[in-house]
Amino acid sequence: MQYPVIRQLADSDRWRLRPHFKALDATDRRLRFGITLDDAAIDRYVDLIDFDTEAVLGVADSQANLIAVVHVAPVGEGAELGLSVHQGARGAGLGGCLFAHAVAWARNRYLQRVFMHCLRENQAILHLARRNGMSISMDGSDSSAVLLLQAPTFETLINEQATHWQAAAADMRRLENRWFDWVLTGPQAAAKAFSESLQARAPGLR
């Protein structure tokens, strides 16, 4: 199995998050947020993310578009997870992979639990919760899932750093390929490669 490259996004990535959420159709927006947000509400949601205290982890396609994202928002001694995967990217295990990295991030910050709130009809999230041993409760049309966390270990801390380096290495390989294309195709491709390198440098080298 080839594991996806997981990137922890930064404040400079807000422009990448907006199209990710806006690409969700009305049904998927309702399942992700509990209500059907319009584009303006999505902009406000992205604007309110605090990248200093929260984590946003993402998987991008070959064009650097985010196709799967998990938002980890600490609340007291726990953290709430919000997960979204584009329709065409489902069934490849991206949700489970992002969930595992989100849990590790929370665990490494000594948070005691992670939880998810979703509509009862959101079978994909409920299946993910059951598969990962979360305790699930139902209240009318709403569902909640909680997972108690163990304390971090040296291995969990090292694995988080390894994830950052893997993302940085993947970005460097992609940029090297762009510059190689420039050598073959001329100044116009060079300008495009330079622009993409500026966009990728901040999140890729965290």
C-alpha atoms as a PDB file:
ATOM      1  CA  MET A   1       0.000   0.000   0.000  1.00  0.00           C
ATOM      2  CA  GLN A   2       1.306   3.456  -0.903  1.00  0.00           C
ATOM      3  CA  TYR A   3       0.684   5.894   1.937  1.00  0.00           C
ATOM      4  CA  PRO A   4      -0.342   9.451   1.060  1.00  0.00           C
ATOM      5  CA  VAL A   5       1.825  12.445   1.879  1.00  0.00           C
ATOM      6  CA  ILE A   6       0.270  14.242   4.854  1.00  0.00           C
ATOM      7  CA  ARG A   7       0.972  17.950   5.229  1.00  0.00           C
ATOM      8  CA  GLN A   8       0.267  20.144   8.218  1.00  0.00           C
ATOM      9  CA  LEU A   9      -1.074  23.344   6.730  1.00  0.00           C
ATOM     10  CA  ALA A  10      -0.243  26.877   7.820  1.00  0.00           C
ATOM     11  CA  ASP A  11      -1.888  30.286   7.824  1.00  0.00           C
ATOM     12  CA  SER A  12      -0.525  30.810   4.307  1.00  0.00           C
ATOM     13  CA  ASP A  13      -2.654  27.863   3.117  1.00  0.00           C
ATOM     14  CA  ARG A  14      -6.056  29.456   3.719  1.00  0.00           C
ATOM     15  CA  TRP A  15      -6.319  30.104  -0.023  1.00  0.00           C
ATOM     16  CA  ARG A  16      -6.009  26.331  -0.590  1.00  0.00           C
ATOM     17  CA  LEU A  17      -8.620  25.428   2.023  1.00  0.00           C
ATOM     18  CA  ARG A  18     -11.383  27.610   0.594  1.00  0.00           C
ATOM     19  CA  PRO A  19     -11.671  25.766  -2.756  1.00  0.00           C
ATOM     20  CA  HIS A  20     -11.405  22.422  -0.968  1.00  0.00           C
ATOM     21  CA  PHE A  21     -14.538  23.090   1.091  1.00  0.00           C
ATOM     22  CA  LYS A  22     -16.352  24.913  -1.700  1.00  0.00           C
ATOM     23  CA  ALA A  23     -15.906  21.897  -3.973  1.00  0.00           C
ATOM     24  CA  LEU A  24     -18.159  19.883  -1.636  1.00  0.00           C
ATOM     25  CA  ASP A  25     -21.719  19.692  -2.916  1.00  0.00           C
ATOM     26  CA  ALA A  26     -24.727  20.639  -0.766  1.00  0.00           C
ATOM     27  CA  THR A  27     -25.102  17.140   0.695  1.00  0.00           C
ATOM     28  CA  ASP A  28     -21.425  16.828   1.566  1.00  0.00           C
ATOM     29  CA  ARG A  29     -21.374  20.292   3.126  1.00  0.00           C
ATOM     30  CA  ARG A  30     -24.308  19.302   5.323  1.00  0.00           C
ATOM     31  CA  LEU A  31     -22.577  16.096   6.388  1.00  0.00           C
ATOM     32  CA  ARG A  32     -19.282  17.898   7.058  1.00  0.00           C
ATOM     33  CA  PHE A  33     -20.623  20.919   8.942  1.00  0.00           C
ATOM     34  CA  GLY A  34     -24.009  19.714  10.182  1.00  0.00           C
ATOM     35  CA  ILE A  35     -25.733  22.344   8.043  1.00  0.00           C
ATOM     36  CA  THR A  36     -25.433  23.371   4.392  1.00  0.00           C
ATOM     37  CA  LEU A  37     -23.029  26.310   4.488  1.00  0.00           C
ATOM     38  CA  ASP A  38     -22.906  28.705   1.569  1.00  0.00           C
ATOM     39  CA  ASP A  39     -19.610  29.964   0.151  1.00  0.00           C
ATOM     40  CA  ALA A  40     -19.605  33.077   2.343  1.00  0.00           C
ATOM     41  CA  ALA A  41     -20.033  30.960   5.477  1.00  0.00           C
ATOM     42  CA  ILE A  42     -17.187  28.704   4.357  1.00  0.00           C
ATOM     43  CA  ASP A  43     -14.958  31.763   3.967  1.00  0.00           C
ATOM     44  CA  ARG A  44     -15.809  32.811   7.521  1.00  0.00           C
ATOM     45  CA  TYR A  45     -15.103  29.303   8.797  1.00  0.00           C
ATOM     46  CA  VAL A  46     -11.673  29.263   7.172  1.00  0.00           C
ATOM     47  CA  ASP A  47     -10.937  32.795   8.428  1.00  0.00           C
ATOM     48  CA  LEU A  48     -11.585  31.683  12.020  1.00  0.00           C
ATOM     49  CA  ILE A  49      -9.109  28.778  12.010  1.00  0.00           C
ATOM     50  CA  ASP A  50      -6.285  29.508  14.463  1.00  0.00           C
ATOM     51  CA  PHE A  51      -3.212  27.820  13.034  1.00  0.00           C
ATOM     52  CA  ASP A  52      -1.225  28.609  16.199  1.00  0.00           C
ATOM     53  CA  THR A  53      -3.390  26.425  18.437  1.00  0.00           C
ATOM     54  CA  GLU A  54      -5.219  24.149  15.980  1.00  0.00           C
ATOM     55  CA  ALA A  55      -4.017  21.734  13.328  1.00  0.00           C
ATOM     56  CA  VAL A  56      -5.202  21.291   9.756  1.00  0.00           C
ATOM     57  CA  LEU A  57      -3.779  18.238   8.008  1.00  0.00           C
ATOM     58  CA  GLY A  58      -4.292  17.649   4.321  1.00  0.00           C
ATOM     59  CA  VAL A  59      -3.629  15.409   1.343  1.00  0.00           C
ATOM     60  CA  ALA A  60      -3.173  17.005  -2.080  1.00  0.00           C
ATOM     61  CA  ASP A  61      -3.458  15.598  -5.590  1.00  0.00           C
ATOM     62  CA  SER A  62      -0.770  15.835  -8.266  1.00  0.00           C
ATOM     63  CA  GLN A  63      -1.849  19.414  -9.009  1.00  0.00           C
ATOM     64  CA  ALA A  64      -1.429  20.426  -5.340  1.00  0.00           C
ATOM     65  CA  ASN A  65      -5.204  20.698  -4.829  1.00  0.00           C
ATOM     66  CA  LEU A  66      -6.382  19.545  -1.407  1.00  0.00           C
ATOM     67  CA  ILE A  67      -8.576  16.464  -1.760  1.00  0.00           C
ATOM     68  CA  ALA A  68      -8.798  15.416   1.909  1.00  0.00           C
ATOM     69  CA  VAL A  69      -8.578  17.544   5.054  1.00  0.00           C
ATOM     70  CA  VAL A  70      -8.953  17.045   8.788  1.00  0.00           C
ATOM     71  CA  HIS A  71      -9.317  19.990  11.162  1.00  0.00           C
ATOM     72  CA  VAL A  72      -8.201  19.367  14.760  1.00  0.00           C
ATOM     73  CA  ALA A  73      -9.592  22.005  17.127  1.00  0.00           C
ATOM     74  CA  PRO A  74      -8.569  21.698  20.805  1.00  0.00           C
ATOM     75  CA  VAL A  75     -11.423  22.240  23.265  1.00  0.00           C
ATOM     76  CA  GLY A  76     -10.453  22.051  26.929  1.00  0.00           C
ATOM     77  CA  GLU A  77      -8.654  18.749  27.526  1.00  0.00           C
ATOM     78  CA  GLY A  78      -9.809  17.282  24.223  1.00  0.00           C
ATOM     79  CA  ALA A  79      -9.998  18.090  20.526  1.00  0.00           C
ATOM     80  CA  GLU A  80     -12.814  18.045  17.999  1.00  0.00           C
ATOM     81  CA  LEU A  81     -12.099  16.507  14.592  1.00  0.00           C
ATOM     82  CA  GLY A  82     -13.765  17.572  11.343  1.00  0.00           C
ATOM     83  CA  LEU A  83     -13.002  15.468   8.265  1.00  0.00           C
ATOM     84  CA  SER A  84     -13.764  15.973   4.566  1.00  0.00           C
ATOM     85  CA  VAL A  85     -12.744  13.943   1.514  1.00  0.00           C
ATOM     86  CA  HIS A  86     -13.641  14.872  -2.048  1.00  0.00           C
ATOM     87  CA  GLN A  87     -16.008  12.442  -3.710  1.00  0.00           C
ATOM     88  CA  GLY A  88     -13.520  11.292  -6.347  1.00  0.00           C
ATOM     89  CA  ALA A  89     -10.882  10.514  -3.705  1.00  0.00           C
ATOM     90  CA  ARG A  90     -13.033   8.298  -1.484  1.00  0.00           C
ATOM     91  CA  GLY A  91     -12.415   4.605  -0.959  1.00  0.00           C
ATOM     92  CA  ALA A  92      -8.625   4.994  -0.904  1.00  0.00           C
ATOM     93  CA  GLY A  93      -8.208   5.129   2.868  1.00  0.00           C
ATOM     94  CA  LEU A  94      -7.444   8.856   3.037  1.00  0.00           C
ATOM     95  CA  GLY A  95      -9.996   9.473   5.789  1.00  0.00           C
ATOM     96  CA  GLY A  96      -8.548   6.764   7.993  1.00  0.00           C
ATOM     97  CA  CYS A  97      -5.006   7.958   7.389  1.00  0.00           C
ATOM     98  CA  LEU A  98      -5.855  11.558   8.261  1.00  0.00           C
ATOM     99  CA  PHE A  99      -7.771  10.385  11.341  1.00  0.00           C
ATOM    100  CA  ALA A 100      -4.703   8.504  12.596  1.00  0.00           C
ATOM    101  CA  HIS A 101      -2.456  11.542  12.106  1.00  0.00           C
ATOM    102  CA  ALA A 102      -4.996  13.813  13.799  1.00  0.00           C
ATOM    103  CA  VAL A 103      -5.145  11.490  16.807  1.00  0.00           C
ATOM    104  CA  ALA A 104      -1.343  11.422  16.980  1.00  0.00           C
ATOM    105  CA  TRP A 105      -1.188  15.222  16.834  1.00  0.00           C
ATOM    106  CA  ALA A 106      -3.652  15.515  19.731  1.00  0.00           C
ATOM    107  CA  ARG A 107      -1.906  12.791  21.704  1.00  0.00           C
ATOM    108  CA  ASN A 108       1.489  14.469  21.302  1.00  0.00           C
ATOM    109  CA  ARG A 109       0.024  17.605  22.890  1.00  0.00           C
ATOM    110  CA  TYR A 110      -1.182  15.675  25.934  1.00  0.00           C
ATOM    111  CA  LEU A 111      -4.845  16.033  25.072  1.00  0.00           C
ATOM    112  CA  GLN A 112      -6.935  13.369  26.763  1.00  0.00           C
ATOM    113  CA  ARG A 113      -9.557  12.650  24.099  1.00  0.00           C
ATOM    114  CA  VAL A 114     -10.684  13.362  20.566  1.00  0.00           C
ATOM    115  CA  PHE A 115     -14.318  13.575  19.572  1.00  0.00           C
ATOM    116  CA  MET A 116     -16.458  13.987  16.489  1.00  0.00           C
ATOM    117  CA  HIS A 117     -20.015  15.262  16.137  1.00  0.00           C
ATOM    118  CA  CYS A 118     -21.974  14.298  13.044  1.00  0.00           C
ATOM    119  CA  LEU A 119     -25.448  13.712  11.736  1.00  0.00           C
ATOM    120  CA  ARG A 120     -26.808  10.230  12.368  1.00  0.00           C
ATOM    121  CA  GLU A 121     -27.059   9.712   8.619  1.00  0.00           C
ATOM    122  CA  ASN A 122     -23.310  10.244   8.161  1.00  0.00           C
ATOM    123  CA  GLN A 123     -22.503   6.561   7.869  1.00  0.00           C
ATOM    124  CA  ALA A 124     -18.978   7.157   6.546  1.00  0.00           C
ATOM    125  CA  ILE A 125     -17.893   8.987   9.703  1.00  0.00           C
ATOM    126  CA  LEU A 126     -19.699   6.542  11.971  1.00  0.00           C
ATOM    127  CA  HIS A 127     -17.989   3.630  10.200  1.00  0.00           C
ATOM    128  CA  LEU A 128     -14.620   5.357  10.663  1.00  0.00           C
ATOM    129  CA  ALA A 129     -15.395   5.935  14.343  1.00  0.00           C
ATOM    130  CA  ARG A 130     -16.347   2.297  14.961  1.00  0.00           C
ATOM    131  CA  ARG A 131     -13.300   1.031  13.091  1.00  0.00           C
ATOM    132  CA  ASN A 132     -11.052   3.114  15.341  1.00  0.00           C
ATOM    133  CA  GLY A 133     -12.658   2.040  18.596  1.00  0.00           C
ATOM    134  CA  MET A 134     -14.522   5.251  19.379  1.00  0.00           C
ATOM    135  CA  SER A 135     -17.454   5.197  21.794  1.00  0.00           C
ATOM    136  CA  ILE A 136     -20.576   6.312  19.916  1.00  0.00           C
ATOM    137  CA  SER A 137     -23.747   7.823  21.331  1.00  0.00           C
ATOM    138  CA  MET A 138     -26.926   8.841  19.502  1.00  0.00           C
ATOM    139  CA  ASP A 139     -29.250  11.723  20.338  1.00  0.00           C
ATOM    140  CA  GLY A 140     -32.082  12.116  17.863  1.00  0.00           C
ATOM    141  CA  SER A 141     -30.621  13.035  14.484  1.00  0.00           C
ATOM    142  CA  ASP A 142     -27.157  13.706  15.944  1.00  0.00           C
ATOM    143  CA  SER A 143     -24.286  11.394  16.826  1.00  0.00           C
ATOM    144  CA  SER A 144     -21.159  11.812  18.915  1.00  0.00           C
ATOM    145  CA  ALA A 145     -18.025   9.682  19.011  1.00  0.00           C
ATOM    146  CA  VAL A 146     -15.241   9.859  21.606  1.00  0.00           C
ATOM    147  CA  LEU A 147     -11.814   8.240  21.771  1.00  0.00           C
ATOM    148  CA  LEU A 148      -9.698   8.379  24.936  1.00  0.00           C
ATOM    149  CA  LEU A 149      -6.007   8.981  24.265  1.00  0.00           C
ATOM    150  CA  GLN A 150      -2.882   7.584  25.846  1.00  0.00           C
ATOM    151  CA  ALA A 151       0.099   9.750  26.721  1.00  0.00           C
ATOM    152  CA  PRO A 152       2.586  10.385  23.902  1.00  0.00           C
ATOM    153  CA  THR A 153       5.668   8.255  23.495  1.00  0.00           C
ATOM    154  CA  PHE A 154       9.049   8.876  21.923  1.00  0.00           C
ATOM    155  CA  GLU A 155       7.813   6.948  18.888  1.00  0.00           C
ATOM    156  CA  THR A 156       4.686   9.090  18.413  1.00  0.00           C
ATOM    157  CA  LEU A 157       6.759  12.277  18.665  1.00  0.00           C
ATOM    158  CA  ILE A 158       9.335  11.037  16.155  1.00  0.00           C
ATOM    159  CA  ASN A 159       6.626   9.856  13.766  1.00  0.00           C
ATOM    160  CA  GLU A 160       5.063  13.328  13.710  1.00  0.00           C
ATOM    161  CA  GLN A 161       8.393  14.889  12.795  1.00  0.00           C
ATOM    162  CA  ALA A 162       8.942  12.216  10.140  1.00  0.00           C
ATOM    163  CA  THR A 163       5.605  13.186   8.589  1.00  0.00           C
ATOM    164  CA  HIS A 164       6.797  16.790   8.231  1.00  0.00           C
ATOM    165  CA  TRP A 165      10.057  15.703   6.606  1.00  0.00           C
ATOM    166  CA  GLN A 166       8.277  13.363   4.202  1.00  0.00           C
ATOM    167  CA  ALA A 167       6.057  16.239   3.088  1.00  0.00           C
ATOM    168  CA  ALA A 168       9.072  18.514   2.664  1.00  0.00           C
ATOM    169  CA  ALA A 169      10.876  15.865   0.627  1.00  0.00           C
ATOM    170  CA  ALA A 170       7.838  15.350  -1.603  1.00  0.00           C
ATOM    171  CA  ASP A 171       7.594  19.100  -2.235  1.00  0.00           C
ATOM    172  CA  MET A 172      11.283  19.315  -3.094  1.00  0.00           C
ATOM    173  CA  ARG A 173      10.967  16.439  -5.576  1.00  0.00           C
ATOM    174  CA  ARG A 174       7.998  18.117  -7.224  1.00  0.00           C
ATOM    175  CA  LEU A 175       9.831  21.436  -7.500  1.00  0.00           C
ATOM    176  CA  GLU A 176      12.946  19.760  -8.880  1.00  0.00           C
ATOM    177  CA  ASN A 177      10.801  18.172 -11.569  1.00  0.00           C
ATOM    178  CA  ARG A 178       9.327  21.590 -12.409  1.00  0.00           C
ATOM    179  CA  TRP A 179      12.758  23.141 -12.761  1.00  0.00           C
ATOM    180  CA  PHE A 180      13.880  20.253 -14.956  1.00  0.00           C
ATOM    181  CA  ASP A 181      10.880  20.930 -17.198  1.00  0.00           C
ATOM    182  CA  TRP A 182      12.012  24.546 -17.409  1.00  0.00           C
ATOM    183  CA  VAL A 183      15.420  23.517 -18.754  1.00  0.00           C
ATOM    184  CA  LEU A 184      13.646  21.676 -21.551  1.00  0.00           C
ATOM    185  CA  THR A 185      10.862  24.146 -22.335  1.00  0.00           C
ATOM    186  CA  GLY A 186      12.201  27.632 -21.659  1.00  0.00           C
ATOM    187  CA  PRO A 187      11.464  30.844 -19.703  1.00  0.00           C
ATOM    188  CA  GLN A 188       7.671  30.595 -19.662  1.00  0.00           C
ATOM    189  CA  ALA A 189       7.826  27.286 -17.789  1.00  0.00           C
ATOM    190  CA  ALA A 190      10.479  28.787 -15.501  1.00  0.00           C
ATOM    191  CA  ALA A 191       8.148  31.577 -14.458  1.00  0.00           C
ATOM    192  CA  LYS A 192       5.391  29.079 -13.701  1.00  0.00           C
ATOM    193  CA  ALA A 193       7.770  26.867 -11.711  1.00  0.00           C
ATOM    194  CA  PHE A 194       9.006  29.861  -9.711  1.00  0.00           C
ATOM    195  CA  SER A 195       5.437  30.896  -8.884  1.00  0.00           C
ATOM    196  CA  GLU A 196       4.554  27.387  -7.732  1.00  0.00           C
ATOM    197  CA  SER A 197       7.715  27.164  -5.639  1.00  0.00           C
ATOM    198  CA  LEU A 198       6.755  30.308  -3.743  1.00  0.00           C
ATOM    199  CA  GLN A 199       3.282  28.900  -3.041  1.00  0.00           C
ATOM    200  CA  ALA A 200       4.589  25.522  -1.910  1.00  0.00           C
ATOM    201  CA  ARG A 201       7.608  26.632   0.093  1.00  0.00           C
ATOM    202  CA  ALA A 202       5.845  27.786   3.271  1.00  0.00           C
ATOM    203  CA  PRO A 203       3.627  24.741   3.908  1.00  0.00           C
ATOM    204  CA  GLY A 204       6.148  22.292   2.502  1.00  0.00           C
ATOM    205  CA  LEU A 205       9.087  23.301   4.701  1.00  0.00           C
ATOM    206  CA  ARG A 206       7.350  23.533   8.041  1.00  0.00           C
END
